[in-house]
Full PDB file with SEQRES, HELIX, SHEET, SSBOND, CRYST1, ORIGX, SCALE, CONECT and MASTER records, all heavy atoms in Angstrom:
SEQRES   1 A   38  GLU ARG TYR GLY VAL PRO LEU LEU GLN GLU ARG ILE GLU          
SEQRES   2 A   38  ASP TYR HIS GLY ASN THR THR ARG PHE LEU VAL LEU GLY          
SEQRES   3 A   38  TYR GLN SER PRO PRO PRO SER GLY HIS ASP LYS THR              
CRYST1    1.000    1.000    1.000  90.00  90.00  90.00 P 1           1          
ORIGX1      1.000000  0.000000  0.000000        0.00000                         
ORIGX2      0.000000  1.000000  0.000000        0.00000                         
ORIGX3      0.000000  0.000000  1.000000        0.00000                         
SCALE1      1.000000  0.000000  0.000000        0.00000                         
SCALE2      0.000000  1.000000  0.000000        0.00000                         
SCALE3      0.000000  0.000000  1.000000        0.00000                         
ATOM      1  N   GLU A   1    -188.222 -85.368 -62.210  1.00  0.00           N  
ATOM      2  CA  GLU A   1    -188.654 -86.464 -61.334  1.00  0.00           C  
ATOM      3  C   GLU A   1    -189.280 -85.920 -60.054  1.00  0.00           C  
ATOM      4  O   GLU A   1    -190.287 -86.448 -59.569  1.00  0.00           O  
ATOM      5  CB  GLU A   1    -187.460 -87.354 -61.001  1.00  0.00           C  
ATOM      6  CG  GLU A   1    -187.810 -88.546 -60.126  1.00  0.00           C  
ATOM      7  CD  GLU A   1    -186.607 -89.442 -59.851  1.00  0.00           C  
ATOM      8  OE1 GLU A   1    -185.527 -89.177 -60.408  1.00  0.00           O  
ATOM      9  OE2 GLU A   1    -186.758 -90.390 -59.061  1.00  0.00           O  
ATOM     10  N   ARG A   2    -188.692 -84.847 -59.499  1.00  0.00           N  
ATOM     11  CA  ARG A   2    -189.205 -84.281 -58.257  1.00  0.00           C  
ATOM     12  C   ARG A   2    -190.647 -83.812 -58.411  1.00  0.00           C  
ATOM     13  O   ARG A   2    -191.470 -83.956 -57.503  1.00  0.00           O  
ATOM     14  CB  ARG A   2    -188.322 -83.101 -57.814  1.00  0.00           C  
ATOM     15  CG  ARG A   2    -188.780 -82.437 -56.536  1.00  0.00           C  
ATOM     16  CD  ARG A   2    -187.843 -81.295 -56.162  1.00  0.00           C  
ATOM     17  NE  ARG A   2    -186.527 -81.770 -55.815  1.00  0.00           N  
ATOM     18  CZ  ARG A   2    -186.170 -82.196 -54.606  1.00  0.00           C  
ATOM     19  NH1 ARG A   2    -187.067 -82.215 -53.635  1.00  0.00           N  
ATOM     20  NH2 ARG A   2    -184.939 -82.600 -54.367  1.00  0.00           N  
ATOM     21  N   TYR A   3    -190.978 -83.240 -59.581  1.00  0.00           N  
ATOM     22  CA  TYR A   3    -192.325 -82.714 -59.799  1.00  0.00           C  
ATOM     23  C   TYR A   3    -193.215 -83.664 -60.604  1.00  0.00           C  
ATOM     24  O   TYR A   3    -194.326 -83.300 -60.996  1.00  0.00           O  
ATOM     25  CB  TYR A   3    -192.247 -81.343 -60.475  1.00  0.00           C  
ATOM     26  CG  TYR A   3    -191.680 -80.291 -59.546  1.00  0.00           C  
ATOM     27  CD1 TYR A   3    -190.327 -79.936 -59.602  1.00  0.00           C  
ATOM     28  CD2 TYR A   3    -192.478 -79.688 -58.585  1.00  0.00           C  
ATOM     29  CE1 TYR A   3    -189.797 -78.991 -58.736  1.00  0.00           C  
ATOM     30  CE2 TYR A   3    -191.955 -78.743 -57.714  1.00  0.00           C  
ATOM     31  CZ  TYR A   3    -190.619 -78.405 -57.799  1.00  0.00           C  
ATOM     32  OH  TYR A   3    -190.096 -77.475 -56.933  1.00  0.00           O  
ATOM     33  N   GLY A   4    -192.721 -84.871 -60.866  1.00  0.00           N  
ATOM     34  CA  GLY A   4    -193.547 -85.883 -61.509  1.00  0.00           C  
ATOM     35  C   GLY A   4    -193.889 -85.598 -62.951  1.00  0.00           C  
ATOM     36  O   GLY A   4    -194.991 -85.937 -63.413  1.00  0.00           O  
ATOM     37  N   VAL A   5    -192.969 -85.012 -63.690  1.00  0.00           N  
ATOM     38  CA  VAL A   5    -193.215 -84.683 -65.095  1.00  0.00           C  
ATOM     39  C   VAL A   5    -192.428 -85.656 -65.977  1.00  0.00           C  
ATOM     40  O   VAL A   5    -191.202 -85.748 -65.862  1.00  0.00           O  
ATOM     41  CB  VAL A   5    -192.791 -83.232 -65.424  1.00  0.00           C  
ATOM     42  CG1 VAL A   5    -193.273 -82.843 -66.822  1.00  0.00           C  
ATOM     43  CG2 VAL A   5    -193.344 -82.267 -64.389  1.00  0.00           C  
ATOM     44  N   PRO A   6    -193.086 -86.381 -66.873  1.00  0.00           N  
ATOM     45  CA  PRO A   6    -192.376 -87.355 -67.722  1.00  0.00           C  
ATOM     46  C   PRO A   6    -191.397 -86.676 -68.681  1.00  0.00           C  
ATOM     47  O   PRO A   6    -191.605 -85.534 -69.105  1.00  0.00           O  
ATOM     48  CB  PRO A   6    -193.518 -88.044 -68.504  1.00  0.00           C  
ATOM     49  CG  PRO A   6    -194.773 -87.706 -67.773  1.00  0.00           C  
ATOM     50  CD  PRO A   6    -194.538 -86.386 -67.108  1.00  0.00           C  
ATOM     51  N   LEU A   7    -190.344 -87.383 -69.025  1.00  0.00           N  
ATOM     52  CA  LEU A   7    -189.367 -86.871 -69.980  1.00  0.00           C  
ATOM     53  C   LEU A   7    -189.832 -87.164 -71.400  1.00  0.00           C  
ATOM     54  O   LEU A   7    -190.171 -88.300 -71.734  1.00  0.00           O  
ATOM     55  CB  LEU A   7    -188.002 -87.517 -69.750  1.00  0.00           C  
ATOM     56  CG  LEU A   7    -187.334 -87.289 -68.390  1.00  0.00           C  
ATOM     57  CD1 LEU A   7    -185.954 -87.941 -68.372  1.00  0.00           C  
ATOM     58  CD2 LEU A   7    -187.227 -85.804 -68.073  1.00  0.00           C  
ATOM     59  N   LEU A   8    -189.836 -86.124 -72.247  1.00  0.00           N  
ATOM     60  CA  LEU A   8    -190.113 -86.311 -73.674  1.00  0.00           C  
ATOM     61  C   LEU A   8    -188.823 -86.507 -74.463  1.00  0.00           C  
ATOM     62  O   LEU A   8    -188.790 -87.233 -75.452  1.00  0.00           O  
ATOM     63  CB  LEU A   8    -190.866 -85.102 -74.239  1.00  0.00           C  
ATOM     64  CG  LEU A   8    -192.326 -84.931 -73.841  1.00  0.00           C  
ATOM     65  CD1 LEU A   8    -192.928 -83.738 -74.598  1.00  0.00           C  
ATOM     66  CD2 LEU A   8    -193.132 -86.188 -74.131  1.00  0.00           C  
ATOM     67  N   GLN A   9    -187.760 -85.833 -74.017  1.00  0.00           N  
ATOM     68  CA  GLN A   9    -186.486 -85.904 -74.733  1.00  0.00           C  
ATOM     69  C   GLN A   9    -185.367 -85.603 -73.761  1.00  0.00           C  
ATOM     70  O   GLN A   9    -185.464 -84.664 -72.966  1.00  0.00           O  
ATOM     71  CB  GLN A   9    -186.460 -84.894 -75.885  1.00  0.00           C  
ATOM     72  CG  GLN A   9    -185.238 -84.978 -76.784  1.00  0.00           C  
ATOM     73  CD  GLN A   9    -185.296 -86.163 -77.735  1.00  0.00           C  
ATOM     74  OE1 GLN A   9    -186.330 -86.397 -78.340  1.00  0.00           O  
ATOM     75  NE2 GLN A   9    -184.207 -86.883 -77.864  1.00  0.00           N  
ATOM     76  N   GLU A  10    -184.302 -86.381 -73.811  1.00  0.00           N  
ATOM     77  CA  GLU A  10    -183.151 -86.165 -72.947  1.00  0.00           C  
ATOM     78  C   GLU A  10    -182.027 -85.489 -73.721  1.00  0.00           C  
ATOM     79  O   GLU A  10    -181.956 -85.567 -74.950  1.00  0.00           O  
ATOM     80  CB  GLU A  10    -182.650 -87.498 -72.382  1.00  0.00           C  
ATOM     81  CG  GLU A  10    -183.675 -88.245 -71.534  1.00  0.00           C  
ATOM     82  CD  GLU A  10    -183.151 -89.587 -71.058  1.00  0.00           C  
ATOM     83  OE1 GLU A  10    -181.957 -89.663 -70.705  1.00  0.00           O  
ATOM     84  OE2 GLU A  10    -183.931 -90.556 -71.059  1.00  0.00           O  
ATOM     85  N   ARG A  11    -181.175 -84.784 -72.978  1.00  0.00           N  
ATOM     86  CA  ARG A  11    -179.954 -84.166 -73.510  1.00  0.00           C  
ATOM     87  C   ARG A  11    -180.234 -83.328 -74.752  1.00  0.00           C  
ATOM     88  O   ARG A  11    -179.749 -83.626 -75.848  1.00  0.00           O  
ATOM     89  CB  ARG A  11    -178.891 -85.223 -73.784  1.00  0.00           C  
ATOM     90  CG  ARG A  11    -178.501 -85.990 -72.525  1.00  0.00           C  
ATOM     91  CD  ARG A  11    -177.173 -86.693 -72.642  1.00  0.00           C  
ATOM     92  NE  ARG A  11    -176.808 -87.281 -71.362  1.00  0.00           N  
ATOM     93  CZ  ARG A  11    -175.616 -87.814 -71.093  1.00  0.00           C  
ATOM     94  NH1 ARG A  11    -174.684 -87.831 -72.031  1.00  0.00           N  
ATOM     95  NH2 ARG A  11    -175.359 -88.325 -69.910  1.00  0.00           N  
ATOM     96  N   ILE A  12    -180.994 -82.270 -74.566  1.00  0.00           N  
ATOM     97  CA  ILE A  12    -181.351 -81.410 -75.690  1.00  0.00           C  
ATOM     98  C   ILE A  12    -180.462 -80.167 -75.763  1.00  0.00           C  
ATOM     99  O   ILE A  12    -180.686 -79.294 -76.597  1.00  0.00           O  
ATOM    100  CB  ILE A  12    -182.831 -80.992 -75.609  1.00  0.00           C  
ATOM    101  CG1 ILE A  12    -183.084 -80.103 -74.389  1.00  0.00           C  
ATOM    102  CG2 ILE A  12    -183.745 -82.215 -75.587  1.00  0.00           C  
ATOM    103  CD1 ILE A  12    -184.468 -79.472 -74.371  1.00  0.00           C  
ATOM    104  N   GLU A  13    -179.449 -80.068 -74.893  1.00  0.00           N  
ATOM    105  CA  GLU A  13    -178.560 -78.913 -74.943  1.00  0.00           C  
ATOM    106  C   GLU A  13    -177.830 -78.875 -76.286  1.00  0.00           C  
ATOM    107  O   GLU A  13    -177.507 -79.918 -76.865  1.00  0.00           O  
ATOM    108  CB  GLU A  13    -177.547 -78.940 -73.789  1.00  0.00           C  
ATOM    109  CG  GLU A  13    -176.603 -80.133 -73.767  1.00  0.00           C  
ATOM    110  CD  GLU A  13    -177.186 -81.346 -73.064  1.00  0.00           C  
ATOM    111  OE1 GLU A  13    -178.375 -81.345 -72.692  1.00  0.00           O  
ATOM    112  OE2 GLU A  13    -176.427 -82.327 -72.893  1.00  0.00           O  
ATOM    113  N   ASP A  14    -177.575 -77.665 -76.780  1.00  0.00           N  
ATOM    114  CA  ASP A  14    -176.947 -77.510 -78.096  1.00  0.00           C  
ATOM    115  C   ASP A  14    -175.493 -77.964 -78.096  1.00  0.00           C  
ATOM    116  O   ASP A  14    -174.994 -78.462 -79.111  1.00  0.00           O  
ATOM    117  CB  ASP A  14    -177.021 -76.046 -78.552  1.00  0.00           C  
ATOM    118  CG  ASP A  14    -178.458 -75.586 -78.751  1.00  0.00           C  
ATOM    119  OD1 ASP A  14    -179.327 -76.441 -79.013  1.00  0.00           O  
ATOM    120  OD2 ASP A  14    -178.711 -74.376 -78.639  1.00  0.00           O  
ATOM    121  N   TYR A  15    -174.801 -77.775 -76.988  1.00  0.00           N  
ATOM    122  CA  TYR A  15    -173.391 -78.148 -76.890  1.00  0.00           C  
ATOM    123  C   TYR A  15    -173.244 -79.211 -75.810  1.00  0.00           C  
ATOM    124  O   TYR A  15    -173.510 -78.953 -74.634  1.00  0.00           O  
ATOM    125  CB  TYR A  15    -172.528 -76.929 -76.560  1.00  0.00           C  
ATOM    126  CG  TYR A  15    -172.670 -75.814 -77.565  1.00  0.00           C  
ATOM    127  CD1 TYR A  15    -173.483 -74.713 -77.304  1.00  0.00           C  
ATOM    128  CD2 TYR A  15    -172.017 -75.876 -78.791  1.00  0.00           C  
ATOM    129  CE1 TYR A  15    -173.640 -73.702 -78.236  1.00  0.00           C  
ATOM    130  CE2 TYR A  15    -172.161 -74.865 -79.736  1.00  0.00           C  
ATOM    131  CZ  TYR A  15    -172.963 -73.787 -79.456  1.00  0.00           C  
ATOM    132  OH  TYR A  15    -173.125 -72.788 -80.380  1.00  0.00           O  
ATOM    133  N   HIS A  16    -172.812 -80.385 -76.204  1.00  0.00           N  
ATOM    134  CA  HIS A  16    -172.806 -81.507 -75.265  1.00  0.00           C  
ATOM    135  C   HIS A  16    -171.640 -81.453 -74.274  1.00  0.00           C  
ATOM    136  O   HIS A  16    -171.565 -82.280 -73.378  1.00  0.00           O  
ATOM    137  CB  HIS A  16    -172.838 -82.831 -76.026  1.00  0.00           C  
ATOM    138  CG  HIS A  16    -174.138 -83.037 -76.762  1.00  0.00           C  
ATOM    139  ND1 HIS A  16    -175.333 -83.202 -76.103  1.00  0.00           N  
ATOM    140  CD2 HIS A  16    -174.432 -83.060 -78.080  1.00  0.00           C  
ATOM    141  CE1 HIS A  16    -176.307 -83.342 -76.980  1.00  0.00           C  
ATOM    142  NE2 HIS A  16    -175.793 -83.245 -78.184  1.00  0.00           N  
ATOM    143  N   GLY A  17    -170.755 -80.477 -74.444  1.00  0.00           N  
ATOM    144  CA  GLY A  17    -169.750 -80.227 -73.420  1.00  0.00           C  
ATOM    145  C   GLY A  17    -170.194 -79.141 -72.448  1.00  0.00           C  
ATOM    146  O   GLY A  17    -169.388 -78.626 -71.668  1.00  0.00           O  
ATOM    147  N   ASN A  18    -171.465 -78.794 -72.495  1.00  0.00           N  
ATOM    148  CA  ASN A  18    -172.035 -77.710 -71.706  1.00  0.00           C  
ATOM    149  C   ASN A  18    -171.743 -77.899 -70.212  1.00  0.00           C  
ATOM    150  O   ASN A  18    -172.192 -78.862 -69.599  1.00  0.00           O  
ATOM    151  CB  ASN A  18    -173.548 -77.665 -71.953  1.00  0.00           C  
ATOM    152  CG  ASN A  18    -174.216 -76.459 -71.323  1.00  0.00           C  
ATOM    153  OD1 ASN A  18    -173.580 -75.436 -71.118  1.00  0.00           O  
ATOM    154  ND2 ASN A  18    -175.502 -76.579 -71.027  1.00  0.00           N  
ATOM    155  N   THR A  19    -171.003 -76.973 -69.612  1.00  0.00           N  
ATOM    156  CA  THR A  19    -170.562 -77.092 -68.220  1.00  0.00           C  
ATOM    157  C   THR A  19    -170.767 -75.766 -67.500  1.00  0.00           C  
ATOM    158  O   THR A  19    -170.500 -74.705 -68.060  1.00  0.00           O  
ATOM    159  CB  THR A  19    -169.075 -77.487 -68.150  1.00  0.00           C  
ATOM    160  OG1 THR A  19    -168.898 -78.738 -68.818  1.00  0.00           O  
ATOM    161  CG2 THR A  19    -168.602 -77.620 -66.703  1.00  0.00           C  
ATOM    162  N   THR A  20    -171.242 -75.843 -66.268  1.00  0.00           N  
ATOM    163  CA  THR A  20    -171.379 -74.648 -65.435  1.00  0.00           C  
ATOM    164  C   THR A  20    -170.420 -74.752 -64.258  1.00  0.00           C  
ATOM    165  O   THR A  20    -170.241 -75.810 -63.673  1.00  0.00           O  
ATOM    166  CB  THR A  20    -172.821 -74.474 -64.928  1.00  0.00           C  
ATOM    167  OG1 THR A  20    -173.682 -74.230 -66.054  1.00  0.00           O  
ATOM    168  CG2 THR A  20    -172.932 -73.285 -63.979  1.00  0.00           C  
ATOM    169  N   ARG A  21    -169.806 -73.634 -63.949  1.00  0.00           N  
ATOM    170  CA  ARG A  21    -168.884 -73.539 -62.811  1.00  0.00           C  
ATOM    171  C   ARG A  21    -169.603 -72.835 -61.659  1.00  0.00           C  
ATOM    172  O   ARG A  21    -170.268 -71.813 -61.860  1.00  0.00           O  
ATOM    173  CB  ARG A  21    -167.635 -72.762 -63.223  1.00  0.00           C  
ATOM    174  CG  ARG A  21    -166.612 -72.545 -62.112  1.00  0.00           C  
ATOM    175  CD  ARG A  21    -165.360 -71.912 -62.689  1.00  0.00           C  
ATOM    176  NE  ARG A  21    -164.437 -71.473 -61.650  1.00  0.00           N  
ATOM    177  CZ  ARG A  21    -164.069 -70.216 -61.451  1.00  0.00           C  
ATOM    178  NH1 ARG A  21    -164.532 -69.252 -62.224  1.00  0.00           N  
ATOM    179  NH2 ARG A  21    -163.236 -69.907 -60.486  1.00  0.00           N  
ATOM    180  N   PHE A  22    -169.463 -73.393 -60.474  1.00  0.00           N  
ATOM    181  CA  PHE A  22    -170.087 -72.850 -59.274  1.00  0.00           C  
ATOM    182  C   PHE A  22    -168.994 -72.502 -58.259  1.00  0.00           C  
ATOM    183  O   PHE A  22    -167.942 -73.151 -58.224  1.00  0.00           O  
ATOM    184  CB  PHE A  22    -171.041 -73.872 -58.653  1.00  0.00           C  
ATOM    185  CG  PHE A  22    -172.161 -74.302 -59.561  1.00  0.00           C  
ATOM    186  CD1 PHE A  22    -171.952 -75.296 -60.511  1.00  0.00           C  
ATOM    187  CD2 PHE A  22    -173.414 -73.714 -59.467  1.00  0.00           C  
ATOM    188  CE1 PHE A  22    -172.976 -75.703 -61.359  1.00  0.00           C  
ATOM    189  CE2 PHE A  22    -174.439 -74.107 -60.311  1.00  0.00           C  
ATOM    190  CZ  PHE A  22    -174.226 -75.097 -61.257  1.00  0.00           C  
ATOM    191  N   LEU A  23    -169.257 -71.502 -57.442  1.00  0.00           N  
ATOM    192  CA  LEU A  23    -168.337 -71.111 -56.377  1.00  0.00           C  
ATOM    193  C   LEU A  23    -168.900 -71.501 -55.021  1.00  0.00           C  
ATOM    194  O   LEU A  23    -170.114 -71.412 -54.788  1.00  0.00           O  
ATOM    195  CB  LEU A  23    -168.090 -69.603 -56.411  1.00  0.00           C  
ATOM    196  CG  LEU A  23    -167.453 -69.052 -57.685  1.00  0.00           C  
ATOM    197  CD1 LEU A  23    -167.303 -67.532 -57.581  1.00  0.00           C  
ATOM    198  CD2 LEU A  23    -166.112 -69.702 -57.975  1.00  0.00           C  
ATOM    199  N   VAL A  24    -168.015 -71.918 -54.125  1.00  0.00           N  
ATOM    200  CA  VAL A  24    -168.380 -72.224 -52.742  1.00  0.00           C  
ATOM    201  C   VAL A  24    -167.978 -71.034 -51.887  1.00  0.00           C  
ATOM    202  O   VAL A  24    -166.822 -70.607 -51.900  1.00  0.00           O  
ATOM    203  CB  VAL A  24    -167.685 -73.508 -52.247  1.00  0.00           C  
ATOM    204  CG1 VAL A  24    -168.128 -73.827 -50.824  1.00  0.00           C  
ATOM    205  CG2 VAL A  24    -167.986 -74.672 -53.183  1.00  0.00           C  
ATOM    206  N   LEU A  25    -168.938 -70.477 -51.158  1.00  0.00           N  
ATOM    207  CA  LEU A  25    -168.726 -69.270 -50.365  1.00  0.00           C  
ATOM    208  C   LEU A  25    -168.509 -69.617 -48.896  1.00  0.00           C  
ATOM    209  O   LEU A  25    -169.193 -70.478 -48.346  1.00  0.00           O  
ATOM    210  CB  LEU A  25    -169.938 -68.342 -50.471  1.00  0.00           C  
ATOM    211  CG  LEU A  25    -170.445 -68.011 -51.873  1.00  0.00           C  
ATOM    212  CD1 LEU A  25    -171.714 -67.175 -51.783  1.00  0.00           C  
ATOM    213  CD2 LEU A  25    -169.374 -67.294 -52.670  1.00  0.00           C  
ATOM    214  N   GLY A  26    -167.567 -68.921 -48.282  1.00  0.00           N  
ATOM    215  CA  GLY A  26    -167.330 -69.079 -46.852  1.00  0.00           C  
ATOM    216  C   GLY A  26    -166.671 -67.816 -46.328  1.00  0.00           C  
ATOM    217  O   GLY A  26    -166.728 -66.763 -46.961  1.00  0.00           O  
ATOM    218  N   TYR A  27    -166.003 -67.935 -45.181  1.00  0.00           N  
ATOM    219  CA  TYR A  27    -165.393 -66.752 -44.589  1.00  0.00           C  
ATOM    220  C   TYR A  27    -163.869 -66.745 -44.640  1.00  0.00           C  
ATOM    221  O   TYR A  27    -163.255 -65.711 -44.468  1.00  0.00           O  
ATOM    222  CB  TYR A  27    -165.858 -66.568 -43.143  1.00  0.00           C  
ATOM    223  CG  TYR A  27    -166.980 -65.562 -43.026  1.00  0.00           C  
ATOM    224  CD1 TYR A  27    -168.280 -65.976 -42.807  1.00  0.00           C  
ATOM    225  CD2 TYR A  27    -166.736 -64.206 -43.167  1.00  0.00           C  
ATOM    226  CE1 TYR A  27    -169.321 -65.059 -42.721  1.00  0.00           C  
ATOM    227  CE2 TYR A  27    -167.755 -63.273 -43.092  1.00  0.00           C  
ATOM    228  CZ  TYR A  27    -169.048 -63.710 -42.866  1.00  0.00           C  
ATOM    229  OH  TYR A  27    -170.070 -62.796 -42.793  1.00  0.00           O  
ATOM    230  N   GLN A  28    -163.270 -67.878 -44.886  1.00  0.00           N  
ATOM    231  CA  GLN A  28    -161.802 -67.920 -44.856  1.00  0.00           C  
ATOM    232  C   GLN A  28    -161.296 -68.893 -45.898  1.00  0.00           C  
ATOM    233  O   GLN A  28    -161.689 -70.060 -45.919  1.00  0.00           O  
ATOM    234  CB  GLN A  28    -161.307 -68.338 -43.468  1.00  0.00           C  
ATOM    235  CG  GLN A  28    -159.799 -68.268 -43.310  1.00  0.00           C  
ATOM    236  CD  GLN A  28    -159.367 -68.588 -41.896  1.00  0.00           C  
ATOM    237  OE1 GLN A  28    -160.188 -68.957 -41.050  1.00  0.00           O  
ATOM    238  NE2 GLN A  28    -158.079 -68.460 -41.618  1.00  0.00           N  
ATOM    239  N   SER A  29    -160.420 -68.403 -46.775  1.00  0.00           N  
ATOM    240  CA  SER A  29    -159.840 -69.280 -47.784  1.00  0.00           C  
ATOM    241  C   SER A  29    -158.954 -70.327 -47.130  1.00  0.00           C  
ATOM    242  O   SER A  29    -158.277 -70.051 -46.131  1.00  0.00           O  
ATOM    243  CB  SER A  29    -159.007 -68.467 -48.786  1.00  0.00           C  
ATOM    244  OG  SER A  29    -159.837 -67.654 -49.581  1.00  0.00           O  
ATOM    245  N   PRO A  30    -158.933 -71.539 -47.682  1.00  0.00           N  
ATOM    246  CA  PRO A  30    -158.119 -72.604 -47.089  1.00  0.00           C  
ATOM    247  C   PRO A  30    -156.648 -72.436 -47.428  1.00  0.00           C  
ATOM    248  O   PRO A  30    -156.280 -71.687 -48.343  1.00  0.00           O  
ATOM    249  CB  PRO A  30    -158.693 -73.862 -47.756  1.00  0.00           C  
ATOM    250  CG  PRO A  30    -159.215 -73.375 -49.073  1.00  0.00           C  
ATOM    251  CD  PRO A  30    -159.747 -72.000 -48.822  1.00  0.00           C  
ATOM    252  N   PRO A  31    -155.770 -73.143 -46.712  1.00  0.00           N  
ATOM    253  CA  PRO A  31    -154.342 -73.148 -47.045  1.00  0.00           C  
ATOM    254  C   PRO A  31    -154.108 -73.800 -48.406  1.00  0.00           C  
ATOM    255  O   PRO A  31    -155.018 -74.414 -48.980  1.00  0.00           O  
ATOM    256  CB  PRO A  31    -153.715 -73.977 -45.914  1.00  0.00           C  
ATOM    257  CG  PRO A  31    -154.745 -74.021 -44.836  1.00  0.00           C  
ATOM    258  CD  PRO A  31    -156.066 -73.933 -45.514  1.00  0.00           C  
ATOM    259  N   PRO A  32    -152.889 -73.701 -48.938  1.00  0.00           N  
ATOM    260  CA  PRO A  32    -152.601 -74.301 -50.249  1.00  0.00           C  
ATOM    261  C   PRO A  32    -152.804 -75.812 -50.255  1.00  0.00           C  
ATOM    262  O   PRO A  32    -152.505 -76.499 -49.276  1.00  0.00           O  
ATOM    263  CB  PRO A  32    -151.134 -73.945 -50.480  1.00  0.00           C  
ATOM    264  CG  PRO A  32    -150.881 -72.744 -49.628  1.00  0.00           C  
ATOM    265  CD  PRO A  32    -151.743 -72.922 -48.422  1.00  0.00           C  
ATOM    266  N   SER A  33    -153.324 -76.321 -51.378  1.00  0.00           N  
ATOM    267  CA  SER A  33    -153.489 -77.763 -51.556  1.00  0.00           C  
ATOM    268  C   SER A  33    -152.489 -78.323 -52.564  1.00  0.00           C  
ATOM    269  O   SER A  33    -152.345 -79.529 -52.693  1.00  0.00           O  
ATOM    270  CB  SER A  33    -154.911 -78.071 -52.031  1.00  0.00           C  
ATOM    271  OG  SER A  33    -155.088 -77.674 -53.388  1.00  0.00           O  
ATOM    272  N   GLY A  34    -151.814 -77.417 -53.294  1.00  0.00           N  
ATOM    273  CA  GLY A  34    -150.888 -77.855 -54.348  1.00  0.00           C  
ATOM    274  C   GLY A  34    -151.481 -77.774 -55.741  1.00  0.00           C  
ATOM    275  O   GLY A  34    -150.751 -77.783 -56.730  1.00  0.00           O  
ATOM    276  N   HIS A  35    -152.813 -77.691 -55.831  1.00  0.00           N  
ATOM    277  CA  HIS A  35    -153.497 -77.550 -57.124  1.00  0.00           C  
ATOM    278  C   HIS A  35    -154.606 -76.510 -56.934  1.00  0.00           C  
ATOM    279  O   HIS A  35    -155.784 -76.860 -56.834  1.00  0.00           O  
ATOM    280  CB  HIS A  35    -154.087 -78.874 -57.591  1.00  0.00           C  
ATOM    281  CG  HIS A  35    -153.084 -79.937 -57.860  1.00  0.00           C  
ATOM    282  ND1 HIS A  35    -152.544 -80.720 -56.859  1.00  0.00           N  
ATOM    283  CD2 HIS A  35    -152.501 -80.343 -59.022  1.00  0.00           C  
ATOM    284  CE1 HIS A  35    -151.681 -81.565 -57.396  1.00  0.00           C  
ATOM    285  NE2 HIS A  35    -151.636 -81.355 -58.694  1.00  0.00           N  
ATOM    286  N   ASP A  36    -154.215 -75.229 -56.908  1.00  0.00           N  
ATOM    287  CA  ASP A  36    -155.143 -74.189 -56.481  1.00  0.00           C  
ATOM    288  C   ASP A  36    -155.408 -73.158 -57.572  1.00  0.00           C  
ATOM    289  O   ASP A  36    -154.738 -73.105 -58.606  1.00  0.00           O  
ATOM    290  CB  ASP A  36    -154.587 -73.481 -55.239  1.00  0.00           C  
ATOM    291  CG  ASP A  36    -154.384 -74.431 -54.075  1.00  0.00           C  
ATOM    292  OD1 ASP A  36    -155.376 -75.014 -53.624  1.00  0.00           O  
ATOM    293  OD2 ASP A  36    -153.225 -74.610 -53.649  1.00  0.00           O  
ATOM    294  N   LYS A  37    -156.396 -72.334 -57.277  1.00  0.00           N  
ATOM    295  CA  LYS A  37    -156.775 -71.215 -58.132  1.00  0.00           C  
ATOM    296  C   LYS A  37    -157.011 -70.026 -57.218  1.00  0.00           C  
ATOM    297  O   LYS A  37    -157.459 -70.182 -56.082  1.00  0.00           O  
ATOM    298  CB  LYS A  37    -158.036 -71.559 -58.922  1.00  0.00           C  
ATOM    299  CG  LYS A  37    -158.475 -70.511 -59.929  1.00  0.00           C  
ATOM    300  CD  LYS A  37    -159.755 -70.945 -60.645  1.00  0.00           C  
ATOM    301  CE  LYS A  37    -159.528 -72.111 -61.574  1.00  0.00           C  
ATOM    302  NZ  LYS A  37    -160.748 -72.465 -62.351  1.00  0.00           N  
ATOM    303  N   THR A  38    -156.693 -68.828 -57.698  1.00  0.00           N  
ATOM    304  CA  THR A  38    -156.918 -67.602 -56.941  1.00  0.00           C  
ATOM    305  C   THR A  38    -157.782 -66.650 -57.751  1.00  0.00           C  
ATOM    306  O   THR A  38    -157.535 -66.452 -58.941  1.00  0.00           O  
ATOM    307  CB  THR A  38    -155.583 -66.928 -56.578  1.00  0.00           C  
ATOM    308  OG1 THR A  38    -154.860 -67.766 -55.666  1.00  0.00           O  
ATOM    309  CG2 THR A  38    -155.802 -65.570 -55.906  1.00  0.00           C  
TER     310      THR A  38                                                      
MASTER        0    0    0    0    0    0    0    6  309    1    0    3          
END                                                                             
């Protein structure tokens, strides 16, 4: 949409559970929230 290109086909990924994990970068880890990962 940003570049004005029409869609020919939607959702063409091979695995429909396809998920990417992203990390948020900063300088100091937060205190515990009760549902954390290290």
